[in-house]
């Protein structure tokens, strides 16, 4: 079952997330250039800045260091 969410991955980093029908994305490659990866489940819903590889899927970045 499709989640209907896709993440654009550029150089291994997510830079956009959209909601679209999978058939629409596949039928309109000119509207969706670059590498769009379907979000496999909502437990791993990515955000901008997450990394993606075929081996590991979506991986959340580590939290930033906070200097006080």
PDB file of N, CA and C in Angstrom:
ATOM      1  N   UNK A   1       0.846  -1.184   0.000  1.00  0.00           N
ATOM      2  CA  UNK A   1       0.000   0.000   0.000  1.00  0.00           C
ATOM      3  C   UNK A   1       0.888   1.242   0.000  1.00  0.00           C
ATOM      4  N   UNK A   2       0.540   2.183  -0.819  1.00  0.00           N
ATOM      5  CA  UNK A   2       1.322   3.406  -0.956  1.00  0.00           C
ATOM      6  C   UNK A   2       0.954   4.429   0.116  1.00  0.00           C
ATOM      7  N   UNK A   3       1.980   5.150   0.586  1.00  0.00           N
ATOM      8  CA  UNK A   3       1.711   6.231   1.530  1.00  0.00           C
ATOM      9  C   UNK A   3       1.285   7.495   0.783  1.00  0.00           C
ATOM     10  N   UNK A   4       1.700   7.598  -0.487  1.00  0.00           N
ATOM     11  CA  UNK A   4       1.393   8.788  -1.266  1.00  0.00           C
ATOM     12  C   UNK A   4       2.342   9.945  -1.002  1.00  0.00           C
ATOM     13  N   UNK A   5       3.420   9.698  -0.270  1.00  0.00           N
ATOM     14  CA  UNK A   5       4.419  10.729  -0.002  1.00  0.00           C
ATOM     15  C   UNK A   5       5.710  10.378  -0.718  1.00  0.00           C
ATOM     16  N   UNK A   6       6.343  11.402  -1.291  1.00  0.00           N
ATOM     17  CA  UNK A   6       7.599  11.236  -2.005  1.00  0.00           C
ATOM     18  C   UNK A   6       8.598  12.263  -1.512  1.00  0.00           C
ATOM     19  N   UNK A   7       9.844  11.844  -1.415  1.00  0.00           N
ATOM     20  CA  UNK A   7      10.922  12.746  -1.010  1.00  0.00           C
ATOM     21  C   UNK A   7      11.875  12.904  -2.193  1.00  0.00           C
ATOM     22  N   UNK A   8      12.243  14.146  -2.486  1.00  0.00           N
ATOM     23  CA  UNK A   8      13.255  14.385  -3.521  1.00  0.00           C
ATOM     24  C   UNK A   8      14.611  14.288  -2.842  1.00  0.00           C
ATOM     25  N   UNK A   9      15.476  13.434  -3.404  1.00  0.00           N
ATOM     26  CA  UNK A   9      16.799  13.196  -2.838  1.00  0.00           C
ATOM     27  C   UNK A   9      17.846  13.714  -3.818  1.00  0.00           C
ATOM     28  N   UNK A  10      18.643  14.678  -3.361  1.00  0.00           N
ATOM     29  CA  UNK A  10      19.715  15.258  -4.167  1.00  0.00           C
ATOM     30  C   UNK A  10      21.026  15.025  -3.414  1.00  0.00           C
ATOM     31  N   UNK A  11      21.940  14.318  -4.059  1.00  0.00           N
ATOM     32  CA  UNK A  11      23.234  13.983  -3.443  1.00  0.00           C
ATOM     33  C   UNK A  11      23.056  13.302  -2.089  1.00  0.00           C
ATOM     34  N   UNK A  12      22.037  12.450  -1.977  1.00  0.00           N
ATOM     35  CA  UNK A  12      21.821  11.685  -0.760  1.00  0.00           C
ATOM     36  C   UNK A  12      21.075  12.411   0.343  1.00  0.00           C
ATOM     37  N   UNK A  13      20.668  13.669   0.093  1.00  0.00           N
ATOM     38  CA  UNK A  13      19.988  14.472   1.118  1.00  0.00           C
ATOM     39  C   UNK A  13      18.571  14.819   0.650  1.00  0.00           C
ATOM     40  N   UNK A  14      17.594  14.656   1.535  1.00  0.00           N
ATOM     41  CA  UNK A  14      16.214  15.030   1.223  1.00  0.00           C
ATOM     42  C   UNK A  14      16.115  16.553   1.216  1.00  0.00           C
ATOM     43  N   UNK A  15      15.580  17.103   0.107  1.00  0.00           N
ATOM     44  CA  UNK A  15      15.405  18.562   0.069  1.00  0.00           C
ATOM     45  C   UNK A  15      13.965  18.985  -0.189  1.00  0.00           C
ATOM     46  N   UNK A  16      13.054  18.001  -0.343  1.00  0.00           N
ATOM     47  CA  UNK A  16      11.636  18.313  -0.510  1.00  0.00           C
ATOM     48  C   UNK A  16      10.824  17.055  -0.242  1.00  0.00           C
ATOM     49  N   UNK A  17       9.619  17.233   0.281  1.00  0.00           N
ATOM     50  CA  UNK A  17       8.689  16.123   0.490  1.00  0.00           C
ATOM     51  C   UNK A  17       7.324  16.586  -0.009  1.00  0.00           C
ATOM     52  N   UNK A  18       6.672  15.734  -0.820  1.00  0.00           N
ATOM     53  CA  UNK A  18       5.366  16.089  -1.380  1.00  0.00           C
ATOM     54  C   UNK A  18       4.386  14.940  -1.175  1.00  0.00           C
ATOM     55  N   UNK A  19       3.111  15.253  -1.367  1.00  0.00           N
ATOM     56  CA  UNK A  19       2.054  14.235  -1.390  1.00  0.00           C
ATOM     57  C   UNK A  19       1.537  14.183  -2.814  1.00  0.00           C
ATOM     58  N   UNK A  20       1.561  12.997  -3.408  1.00  0.00           N
ATOM     59  CA  UNK A  20       1.083  12.827  -4.783  1.00  0.00           C
ATOM     60  C   UNK A  20       0.730  11.362  -5.011  1.00  0.00           C
ATOM     61  N   UNK A  21      -0.148  11.130  -5.958  1.00  0.00           N
ATOM     62  CA  UNK A  21      -0.472   9.757  -6.340  1.00  0.00           C
ATOM     63  C   UNK A  21       0.728   9.156  -7.070  1.00  0.00           C
ATOM     64  N   UNK A  22       1.143   7.940  -6.711  1.00  0.00           N
ATOM     65  CA  UNK A  22       2.303   7.327  -7.372  1.00  0.00           C
ATOM     66  C   UNK A  22       2.160   7.260  -8.886  1.00  0.00           C
ATOM     67  N   UNK A  23       0.961   6.968  -9.379  1.00  0.00           N
ATOM     68  CA  UNK A  23       0.739   6.885 -10.818  1.00  0.00           C
ATOM     69  C   UNK A  23       0.999   8.235 -11.487  1.00  0.00           C
ATOM     70  N   UNK A  24       0.641   9.321 -10.817  1.00  0.00           N
ATOM     71  CA  UNK A  24       0.847  10.663 -11.361  1.00  0.00           C
ATOM     72  C   UNK A  24       2.341  10.986 -11.452  1.00  0.00           C
ATOM     73  N   UNK A  25       3.079  10.635 -10.412  1.00  0.00           N
ATOM     74  CA  UNK A  25       4.521  10.883 -10.415  1.00  0.00           C
ATOM     75  C   UNK A  25       5.183  10.104 -11.552  1.00  0.00           C
ATOM     76  N   UNK A  26       4.824   8.825 -11.685  1.00  0.00           N
ATOM     77  CA  UNK A  26       5.424   7.994 -12.727  1.00  0.00           C
ATOM     78  C   UNK A  26       5.019   8.434 -14.126  1.00  0.00           C
ATOM     79  N   UNK A  27       3.807   8.920 -14.288  1.00  0.00           N
ATOM     80  CA  UNK A  27       3.307   9.319 -15.602  1.00  0.00           C
ATOM     81  C   UNK A  27       3.796  10.696 -16.036  1.00  0.00           C
ATOM     82  N   UNK A  28       4.383  11.474 -15.125  1.00  0.00           N
ATOM     83  CA  UNK A  28       4.791  12.845 -15.439  1.00  0.00           C
ATOM     84  C   UNK A  28       6.233  13.116 -15.015  1.00  0.00           C
ATOM     85  N   UNK A  29       7.196  12.419 -15.630  1.00  0.00           N
ATOM     86  CA  UNK A  29       8.593  12.612 -15.219  1.00  0.00           C
ATOM     87  C   UNK A  29       9.102  14.030 -15.452  1.00  0.00           C
ATOM     88  N   UNK A  30       8.520  14.755 -16.387  1.00  0.00           N
ATOM     89  CA  UNK A  30       8.972  16.133 -16.620  1.00  0.00           C
ATOM     90  C   UNK A  30       8.579  17.053 -15.458  1.00  0.00           C
ATOM     91  N   UNK A  31       7.537  16.698 -14.726  1.00  0.00           N
ATOM     92  CA  UNK A  31       7.137  17.484 -13.556  1.00  0.00           C
ATOM     93  C   UNK A  31       7.935  17.111 -12.313  1.00  0.00           C
ATOM     94  N   UNK A  32       8.536  15.923 -12.352  1.00  0.00           N
ATOM     95  CA  UNK A  32       9.265  15.412 -11.197  1.00  0.00           C
ATOM     96  C   UNK A  32      10.679  14.992 -11.600  1.00  0.00           C
ATOM     97  N   UNK A  33      11.498  15.972 -12.017  1.00  0.00           N
ATOM     98  CA  UNK A  33      12.881  15.611 -12.367  1.00  0.00           C
ATOM     99  C   UNK A  33      13.651  15.250 -11.104  1.00  0.00           C
ATOM    100  N   UNK A  34      14.827  14.789 -11.267  1.00  0.00           N
ATOM    101  CA  UNK A  34      15.688  14.389 -10.158  1.00  0.00           C
ATOM    102  C   UNK A  34      15.238  13.034  -9.629  1.00  0.00           C
ATOM    103  N   UNK A  35      15.629  12.729  -8.423  1.00  0.00           N
ATOM    104  CA  UNK A  35      15.385  11.416  -7.827  1.00  0.00           C
ATOM    105  C   UNK A  35      14.306  11.528  -6.762  1.00  0.00           C
ATOM    106  N   UNK A  36      13.103  11.070  -7.069  1.00  0.00           N
ATOM    107  CA  UNK A  36      12.000  11.072  -6.098  1.00  0.00           C
ATOM    108  C   UNK A  36      11.846   9.667  -5.550  1.00  0.00           C
ATOM    109  N   UNK A  37      11.867   9.547  -4.239  1.00  0.00           N
ATOM    110  CA  UNK A  37      11.798   8.253  -3.566  1.00  0.00           C
ATOM    111  C   UNK A  37      10.494   8.196  -2.783  1.00  0.00           C
ATOM    112  N   UNK A  38       9.734   7.132  -2.989  1.00  0.00           N
ATOM    113  CA  UNK A  38       8.483   7.001  -2.248  1.00  0.00           C
ATOM    114  C   UNK A  38       8.774   6.690  -0.784  1.00  0.00           C
ATOM    115  N   UNK A  39       8.069   7.368   0.103  1.00  0.00           N
ATOM    116  CA  UNK A  39       8.192   7.129   1.543  1.00  0.00           C
ATOM    117  C   UNK A  39       7.493   5.797   1.825  1.00  0.00           C
ATOM    118  N   UNK A  40       8.232   4.789   2.324  1.00  0.00           N
ATOM    119  CA  UNK A  40       7.646   3.452   2.442  1.00  0.00           C
ATOM    120  C   UNK A  40       6.602   3.308   3.546  1.00  0.00           C
ATOM    121  N   UNK A  41       6.750   4.046   4.619  1.00  0.00           N
ATOM    122  CA  UNK A  41       5.768   3.978   5.699  1.00  0.00           C
ATOM    123  C   UNK A  41       5.855   5.255   6.529  1.00  0.00           C
ATOM    124  N   UNK A  42       4.799   5.519   7.248  1.00  0.00           N
ATOM    125  CA  UNK A  42       4.742   6.774   7.999  1.00  0.00           C
ATOM    126  C   UNK A  42       5.571   6.730   9.276  1.00  0.00           C
ATOM    127  N   UNK A  43       6.079   5.558   9.646  1.00  0.00           N
ATOM    128  CA  UNK A  43       6.980   5.470  10.795  1.00  0.00           C
ATOM    129  C   UNK A  43       8.342   6.078  10.491  1.00  0.00           C
ATOM    130  N   UNK A  44       8.669   6.174   9.201  1.00  0.00           N
ATOM    131  CA  UNK A  44       9.956   6.731   8.775  1.00  0.00           C
ATOM    132  C   UNK A  44       9.736   7.916   7.839  1.00  0.00           C
ATOM    133  N   UNK A  45       8.788   8.763   8.185  1.00  0.00           N
ATOM    134  CA  UNK A  45       8.481   9.933   7.361  1.00  0.00           C
ATOM    135  C   UNK A  45       9.655  10.904   7.434  1.00  0.00           C
ATOM    136  N   UNK A  46      10.309  11.176   6.300  1.00  0.00           N
ATOM    137  CA  UNK A  46      11.515  12.005   6.332  1.00  0.00           C
ATOM    138  C   UNK A  46      11.205  13.490   6.345  1.00  0.00           C
ATOM    139  N   UNK A  47      12.160  14.236   6.787  1.00  0.00           N
ATOM    140  CA  UNK A  47      12.105  15.687   6.727  1.00  0.00           C
ATOM    141  C   UNK A  47      13.268  16.200   5.908  1.00  0.00           C
ATOM    142  N   UNK A  48      13.241  17.462   5.585  1.00  0.00           N
ATOM    143  CA  UNK A  48      14.338  18.071   4.849  1.00  0.00           C
ATOM    144  C   UNK A  48      15.609  17.942   5.687  1.00  0.00           C
ATOM    145  N   UNK A  49      16.682  17.505   5.039  1.00  0.00           N
ATOM    146  CA  UNK A  49      17.949  17.314   5.728  1.00  0.00           C
ATOM    147  C   UNK A  49      18.227  15.865   6.104  1.00  0.00           C
ATOM    148  N   UNK A  50      17.222  15.007   6.012  1.00  0.00           N
ATOM    149  CA  UNK A  50      17.464  13.583   6.266  1.00  0.00           C
ATOM    150  C   UNK A  50      18.317  13.027   5.131  1.00  0.00           C
ATOM    151  N   UNK A  51      19.011  11.921   5.381  1.00  0.00           N
ATOM    152  CA  UNK A  51      19.768  11.268   4.323  1.00  0.00           C
ATOM    153  C   UNK A  51      18.982  10.070   3.823  1.00  0.00           C
ATOM    154  N   UNK A  52      19.321   9.631   2.598  1.00  0.00           N
ATOM    155  CA  UNK A  52      18.695   8.451   2.029  1.00  0.00           C
ATOM    156  C   UNK A  52      19.717   7.683   1.224  1.00  0.00           C
ATOM    157  N   UNK A  53      19.753   6.368   1.427  1.00  0.00           N
ATOM    158  CA  UNK A  53      20.511   5.451   0.580  1.00  0.00           C
ATOM    159  C   UNK A  53      19.638   4.237   0.333  1.00  0.00           C
ATOM    160  N   UNK A  54      19.936   3.513  -0.744  1.00  0.00           N
ATOM    161  CA  UNK A  54      19.169   2.294  -1.005  1.00  0.00           C
ATOM    162  C   UNK A  54      19.349   1.288   0.122  1.00  0.00           C
ATOM    163  N   UNK A  55      20.545   1.234   0.681  1.00  0.00           N
ATOM    164  CA  UNK A  55      20.830   0.256   1.729  1.00  0.00           C
ATOM    165  C   UNK A  55      20.126   0.578   3.046  1.00  0.00           C
ATOM    166  N   UNK A  56      20.137   1.853   3.441  1.00  0.00           N
ATOM    167  CA  UNK A  56      19.623   2.240   4.758  1.00  0.00           C
ATOM    168  C   UNK A  56      18.265   2.909   4.727  1.00  0.00           C
ATOM    169  N   UNK A  57      17.802   3.336   3.567  1.00  0.00           N
ATOM    170  CA  UNK A  57      16.547   4.073   3.491  1.00  0.00           C
ATOM    171  C   UNK A  57      16.727   5.478   4.057  1.00  0.00           C
ATOM    172  N   UNK A  58      15.671   6.004   4.667  1.00  0.00           N
ATOM    173  CA  UNK A  58      15.719   7.352   5.232  1.00  0.00           C
ATOM    174  C   UNK A  58      16.317   7.310   6.640  1.00  0.00           C
ATOM    175  N   UNK A  59      17.258   8.210   6.890  1.00  0.00           N
ATOM    176  CA  UNK A  59      17.924   8.270   8.189  1.00  0.00           C
ATOM    177  C   UNK A  59      17.892   9.715   8.681  1.00  0.00           C
ATOM    178  N   UNK A  60      17.392   9.884   9.895  1.00  0.00           N
ATOM    179  CA  UNK A  60      17.318  11.213  10.512  1.00  0.00           C
ATOM    180  C   UNK A  60      18.722  11.717  10.838  1.00  0.00           C
ATOM    181  N   UNK A  61      18.991  13.003  10.612  1.00  0.00           N
ATOM    182  CA  UNK A  61      20.315  13.523  10.966  1.00  0.00           C
ATOM    183  C   UNK A  61      20.479  13.584  12.487  1.00  0.00           C
ATOM    184  N   UNK A  62      21.717  13.567  12.951  1.00  0.00           N
ATOM    185  CA  UNK A  62      21.926  13.681  14.397  1.00  0.00           C
ATOM    186  C   UNK A  62      21.494  15.054  14.878  1.00  0.00           C
ATOM    187  N   UNK A  63      21.119  15.169  16.154  1.00  0.00           N
ATOM    188  CA  UNK A  63      20.719  16.490  16.658  1.00  0.00           C
ATOM    189  C   UNK A  63      21.920  17.443  16.645  1.00  0.00           C
ATOM    190  N   UNK A  64      21.639  18.721  16.465  1.00  0.00           N
ATOM    191  CA  UNK A  64      22.755  19.684  16.427  1.00  0.00           C
ATOM    192  C   UNK A  64      23.394  19.842  17.798  1.00  0.00           C
ATOM    193  N   UNK A  65      24.674  20.169  17.790  1.00  0.00           N
ATOM    194  CA  UNK A  65      25.347  20.486  19.046  1.00  0.00           C
ATOM    195  C   UNK A  65      24.864  21.853  19.513  1.00  0.00           C
ATOM    196  N   UNK A  66      24.503  21.944  20.770  1.00  0.00           N
ATOM    197  CA  UNK A  66      24.034  23.217  21.321  1.00  0.00           C
ATOM    198  C   UNK A  66      25.109  23.752  22.247  1.00  0.00           C
ATOM    199  N   UNK A  67      25.570  24.937  21.918  1.00  0.00           N
ATOM    200  CA  UNK A  67      26.591  25.584  22.737  1.00  0.00           C
ATOM    201  C   UNK A  67      25.916  26.644  23.578  1.00  0.00           C
ATOM    202  N   UNK A  68      26.114  26.557  24.882  1.00  0.00           N
ATOM    203  CA  UNK A  68      25.480  27.504  25.792  1.00  0.00           C
ATOM    204  C   UNK A  68      26.493  28.501  26.286  1.00  0.00           C
TER     205      UNK A  68
END
